Amino acid sequence: MSRYGLILLLLAAGILPASAEAQFSYQEPEAASSFIGEATADFSSEYIWRGLEYNSEFVFLPSLRLNERGLEIAAFGVLDLTDSNGLENDFTQWIFRGGLARGDAGGSIGLFYNYYYYPEHNRSKTQEVSLEMEWGRPIFMAIDIYWDFDRAHGFYGRAGIGGKIDLDPLLIEPRCSVGAASSNYLETYYAVDKDSFCDLVSSIKAELRIVAGLRLTVKVSYYQLMTSALRQATMAEREGDYWWYQLGAAWRF
């Protein structure tokens, strides 16, 4: 068995601590209604994506998710709020996705097609298929597997553990995640041709329920690349801190 095959086996077994992608994970059990919509508006001190620093300064992160009887579409944007990339007040990334997603009090599962579009960067668009799972309450585990079949022709996987502490009207959610990727994937995004672990992310989020469906959120996160080869590959371009925070609101309708 290859090294990456072993990593995927560990991910599938749920042994490694990690979490789902922050932007699109289920933050609470799905309601019984056949239709669910959620809009979020977050201000983040940095934008870090799978260990890559795309912006070391403030960004605005809007998203919209619509789910009708398990059929889901969603969009996520990144708006630069400073001139750190020379693109102040421009959207520098869009993620569009569609697929099947179901959730209940015990967890959630989704199978998605994801399209990544960079309107103002010299980055190539790419496409992925993902399987995203979360189960357990109040302690939960999560496993996501992404296959980039367009640009990288490789895999990125993330597994995680966390908890939900309900202090109504306040919900506290700590998470920890570990990512791993195939050599093709890391060669494309890091210029490191080796199957290996990728990034570690730890976070704690607080949600305050204001009225039915409306929540205010505060989140503090820490990330670190897990190998010296990846840290060396990004050292020249990294400008931000390993800690970053988000303030925002979410409306479920």
Protein backbone atom coordinates (compact mmCIF):
# COMPACT_ATOMS: atom_id res chain seq x y z
CA MET A 1 0.00 0.00 0.00
CA SER A 2 1.33 3.45 -0.92
CA ARG A 3 1.89 6.09 1.74
CA TYR A 4 -1.06 8.07 0.45
CA GLY A 5 -3.22 4.94 0.47
CA LEU A 6 -2.37 4.53 4.14
CA ILE A 7 -3.32 8.16 4.80
CA LEU A 8 -6.70 7.66 3.13
CA LEU A 9 -7.24 4.49 5.15
CA LEU A 10 -6.62 6.41 8.38
CA LEU A 11 -8.96 9.15 7.23
CA ALA A 12 -11.69 6.67 6.41
CA ALA A 13 -11.28 4.99 9.79
CA GLY A 14 -11.69 8.32 11.56
CA ILE A 15 -8.42 7.98 13.48
CA LEU A 16 -6.94 11.34 12.55
CA PRO A 17 -8.35 14.45 14.26
CA ALA A 18 -9.75 17.04 11.87
CA SER A 19 -12.84 18.84 10.62
CA ALA A 20 -14.94 19.63 7.60
CA GLU A 21 -14.35 22.68 5.34
CA ALA A 22 -15.31 25.68 7.39
CA GLN A 23 -17.28 27.53 4.74
CA PHE A 24 -19.74 24.71 3.90
CA SER A 25 -19.93 22.35 6.87
CA TYR A 26 -23.24 21.80 8.60
CA GLN A 27 -23.13 23.95 11.72
CA GLU A 28 -26.24 22.44 13.29
CA PRO A 29 -28.65 19.56 12.57
CA GLU A 30 -30.89 20.00 9.57
CA ALA A 31 -34.49 20.92 10.26
CA ALA A 32 -37.44 18.76 9.24
CA SER A 33 -38.57 21.24 6.56
CA SER A 34 -38.20 20.16 2.93
CA PHE A 35 -36.50 23.49 2.12
CA ILE A 36 -33.52 25.00 3.95
CA GLY A 37 -31.70 28.19 3.07
CA GLU A 38 -28.73 29.80 4.76
CA ALA A 39 -26.91 33.07 4.05
CA THR A 40 -23.70 34.09 5.83
CA ALA A 41 -21.63 37.26 5.90
CA ASP A 42 -18.21 37.01 7.55
CA PHE A 43 -15.32 39.44 7.91
CA SER A 44 -11.99 37.62 8.26
CA SER A 45 -8.55 38.96 9.18
CA GLU A 46 -6.98 36.57 6.62
CA TYR A 47 -8.06 34.08 3.99
CA ILE A 48 -6.36 30.69 4.36
CA TRP A 49 -7.43 27.80 2.13
CA ARG A 50 -6.06 24.31 2.83
CA GLY A 51 -2.88 25.78 4.27
CA LEU A 52 -2.38 28.30 1.44
CA GLU A 53 -2.39 31.99 2.30
CA TYR A 54 -4.49 33.65 -0.39
CA ASN A 55 -4.75 36.96 1.45
CA SER A 56 -2.85 38.04 4.57
CA GLU A 57 -5.25 40.94 5.26
CA PHE A 58 -8.97 41.54 5.70
CA VAL A 59 -11.51 39.92 3.40
CA PHE A 60 -15.30 39.70 3.23
CA LEU A 61 -16.70 36.18 2.85
CA PRO A 62 -20.37 35.97 1.76
CA SER A 63 -22.09 32.66 1.08
CA LEU A 64 -25.52 31.30 0.18
CA ARG A 65 -26.76 27.72 0.52
CA LEU A 66 -30.13 26.38 -0.68
CA ASN A 67 -31.32 22.83 -0.06
CA GLU A 68 -34.62 21.45 -1.37
CA ARG A 69 -35.37 17.86 -0.29
CA GLY A 70 -31.68 16.96 -0.33
CA LEU A 71 -30.80 18.68 -3.60
CA GLU A 72 -28.35 21.47 -2.77
CA ILE A 73 -26.70 24.42 -4.52
CA ALA A 74 -24.33 26.91 -2.90
CA ALA A 75 -21.97 29.78 -3.66
CA PHE A 76 -19.08 31.25 -1.65
CA GLY A 77 -17.16 34.44 -2.47
CA VAL A 78 -13.95 36.16 -1.35
CA LEU A 79 -13.87 39.98 -1.56
CA ASP A 80 -10.53 41.68 -0.85
CA LEU A 81 -10.97 44.64 1.53
CA THR A 82 -7.38 45.90 1.24
CA ASP A 83 -4.85 46.37 -1.56
CA SER A 84 -2.57 43.58 -0.36
CA ASN A 85 -3.14 41.70 -3.64
CA GLY A 86 -3.58 44.87 -5.69
CA LEU A 87 -7.29 44.04 -5.97
CA GLU A 88 -9.04 46.08 -3.30
CA ASN A 89 -12.86 45.80 -3.45
CA ASP A 90 -12.68 43.03 -6.07
CA PHE A 91 -13.89 39.46 -5.74
CA THR A 92 -10.80 37.28 -6.08
CA GLN A 93 -12.42 33.86 -5.73
CA TRP A 94 -15.80 32.22 -6.23
CA ILE A 95 -16.73 28.66 -5.34
CA PHE A 96 -19.92 27.30 -6.89
CA ARG A 97 -21.23 23.89 -5.93
CA GLY A 98 -24.16 21.56 -6.33
CA GLY A 99 -25.05 18.08 -5.23
CA LEU A 100 -26.93 15.93 -2.77
CA ALA A 101 -26.88 16.66 0.97
CA ARG A 102 -28.94 15.33 3.85
CA GLY A 103 -28.66 15.91 7.59
CA ASP A 104 -30.46 15.19 10.85
CA ALA A 105 -29.76 15.33 14.58
CA GLY A 106 -27.14 12.58 14.23
CA GLY A 107 -25.04 14.20 11.50
CA SER A 108 -24.91 14.89 7.78
CA ILE A 109 -23.58 13.60 4.46
CA GLY A 110 -23.11 15.29 1.10
CA LEU A 111 -21.80 14.48 -2.37
CA PHE A 112 -20.90 17.62 -4.38
CA TYR A 113 -19.48 18.99 -7.60
CA ASN A 114 -17.33 22.09 -6.85
CA TYR A 115 -16.21 24.73 -9.36
CA TYR A 116 -13.45 27.19 -8.37
CA TYR A 117 -13.26 30.44 -10.31
CA TYR A 118 -10.65 33.22 -9.86
CA PRO A 119 -11.91 36.30 -11.77
CA GLU A 120 -9.07 38.68 -10.84
CA HIS A 121 -6.09 36.38 -10.34
CA ASN A 122 -3.69 34.59 -12.63
CA ARG A 123 -4.89 31.32 -11.15
CA SER A 124 -6.44 28.58 -13.23
CA LYS A 125 -10.03 27.56 -12.52
CA THR A 126 -10.45 24.03 -11.29
CA GLN A 127 -13.15 21.45 -10.54
CA GLU A 128 -13.59 18.89 -7.79
CA VAL A 129 -15.90 16.14 -6.64
CA SER A 130 -16.24 15.86 -2.86
CA LEU A 131 -17.69 13.52 -0.26
CA GLU A 132 -18.34 15.29 3.07
CA MET A 133 -19.55 13.55 6.24
CA GLU A 134 -20.14 14.51 9.88
CA TRP A 135 -21.65 12.41 12.65
CA GLY A 136 -22.18 12.42 16.41
CA ARG A 137 -23.58 14.86 18.97
CA PRO A 138 -22.41 16.60 21.12
CA ILE A 139 -18.95 15.22 20.24
CA PHE A 140 -18.71 14.88 16.47
CA MET A 141 -16.29 13.58 13.88
CA ALA A 142 -16.02 14.70 10.26
CA ILE A 143 -14.35 13.35 7.11
CA ASP A 144 -14.11 15.14 3.75
CA ILE A 145 -12.43 13.77 0.62
CA TYR A 146 -11.88 16.00 -2.45
CA TRP A 147 -10.82 14.80 -5.89
CA ASP A 148 -9.49 17.60 -8.09
CA PHE A 149 -10.02 16.08 -11.55
CA ASP A 150 -9.28 19.26 -13.52
CA ARG A 151 -6.08 21.04 -12.53
CA ALA A 152 -4.28 18.91 -9.94
CA HIS A 153 -5.62 15.43 -10.82
CA GLY A 154 -5.14 14.49 -7.20
CA PHE A 155 -6.77 14.10 -3.80
CA TYR A 156 -7.02 16.24 -0.68
CA GLY A 157 -8.62 14.74 2.45
CA ARG A 158 -9.49 16.15 5.84
CA ALA A 159 -10.67 14.38 8.99
CA GLY A 160 -11.72 16.02 12.20
CA ILE A 161 -13.15 16.03 15.68
CA GLY A 162 -15.01 18.67 17.63
CA GLY A 163 -17.81 19.38 20.05
CA LYS A 164 -20.95 21.46 20.46
CA ILE A 165 -21.50 23.05 23.88
CA ASP A 166 -25.03 24.45 24.03
CA LEU A 167 -25.40 27.24 26.58
CA ASP A 168 -28.64 28.58 25.08
CA PRO A 169 -28.66 31.17 23.56
CA LEU A 170 -24.87 30.68 23.14
CA LEU A 171 -23.33 27.76 21.25
CA ILE A 172 -19.58 27.06 21.63
CA GLU A 173 -17.90 24.85 19.03
CA PRO A 174 -14.22 23.82 19.25
CA ARG A 175 -12.74 21.92 16.28
CA CYS A 176 -9.43 20.39 15.26
CA SER A 177 -8.53 19.17 11.77
CA VAL A 178 -5.72 17.46 9.89
CA GLY A 179 -5.43 17.44 6.10
CA ALA A 180 -3.46 15.13 3.80
CA ALA A 181 -2.95 15.16 0.04
CA SER A 182 -1.57 13.15 -2.86
CA SER A 183 1.69 14.02 -4.59
CA ASN A 184 -0.13 15.35 -7.68
CA TYR A 185 -2.17 17.72 -5.54
CA LEU A 186 0.80 19.00 -3.53
CA GLU A 187 2.93 19.37 -6.66
CA THR A 188 0.24 21.60 -8.20
CA TYR A 189 -0.36 23.85 -5.19
CA TYR A 190 2.94 23.68 -3.27
CA ALA A 191 5.52 22.44 -5.82
CA VAL A 192 6.23 19.52 -3.46
CA ASP A 193 6.04 16.16 -5.25
CA LYS A 194 5.29 13.88 -2.31
CA ASP A 195 2.28 12.22 -0.66
CA SER A 196 2.07 13.70 2.81
CA PHE A 197 0.06 15.32 5.53
CA CYS A 198 -0.74 18.92 4.63
CA ASP A 199 -2.26 21.31 7.18
CA LEU A 200 -3.43 21.42 10.79
CA VAL A 201 -6.30 23.74 11.75
CA SER A 202 -7.67 24.34 15.25
CA SER A 203 -10.53 26.72 15.95
CA ILE A 204 -13.14 27.77 18.46
CA LYS A 205 -16.37 29.43 17.41
CA ALA A 206 -19.11 31.10 19.43
CA GLU A 207 -22.62 31.58 18.01
CA LEU A 208 -25.18 33.82 19.69
CA ARG A 209 -28.80 33.17 18.72
CA ILE A 210 -30.52 36.53 18.32
CA VAL A 211 -33.95 35.54 16.97
CA ALA A 212 -35.21 32.43 15.19
CA GLY A 213 -32.79 31.68 12.36
CA LEU A 214 -30.40 34.60 13.02
CA ARG A 215 -27.00 34.08 14.67
CA LEU A 216 -23.99 36.29 15.31
CA THR A 217 -20.64 34.48 15.16
CA VAL A 218 -17.09 34.97 16.43
CA LYS A 219 -14.35 32.52 15.44
CA VAL A 220 -10.63 32.30 16.23
CA SER A 221 -8.45 29.87 14.26
CA TYR A 222 -4.84 28.66 14.14
CA TYR A 223 -3.22 26.84 11.23
CA GLN A 224 0.14 25.25 10.56
CA LEU A 225 1.62 23.33 7.64
CA MET A 226 2.59 19.88 8.84
CA THR A 227 5.86 19.19 7.04
CA SER A 228 9.09 21.14 6.70
CA ALA A 229 8.93 20.76 2.90
CA LEU A 230 5.56 22.54 2.73
CA ARG A 231 6.65 25.26 5.17
CA GLN A 232 9.80 25.85 3.13
CA ALA A 233 7.79 26.00 -0.11
CA THR A 234 5.52 28.77 1.22
CA MET A 235 8.03 30.72 3.31
CA ALA A 236 8.89 33.29 0.63
CA GLU A 237 5.27 34.32 0.03
CA ARG A 238 3.77 34.02 3.54
CA GLU A 239 3.03 37.41 5.08
CA GLY A 240 0.21 36.84 7.57
CA ASP A 241 0.00 35.31 11.03
CA TYR A 242 -0.77 31.72 11.91
CA TRP A 243 -3.71 33.04 13.96
CA TRP A 244 -6.73 34.68 12.36
CA TYR A 245 -10.25 35.56 13.39
CA GLN A 246 -13.70 36.05 11.87
CA LEU A 247 -16.74 38.12 12.82
CA GLY A 248 -20.03 37.64 11.07
CA ALA A 249 -23.68 36.70 10.97
CA ALA A 250 -25.71 33.78 9.62
CA TRP A 251 -29.39 33.70 8.72
CA ARG A 252 -31.20 30.40 8.27
CA PHE A 253 -34.56 30.58 6.49
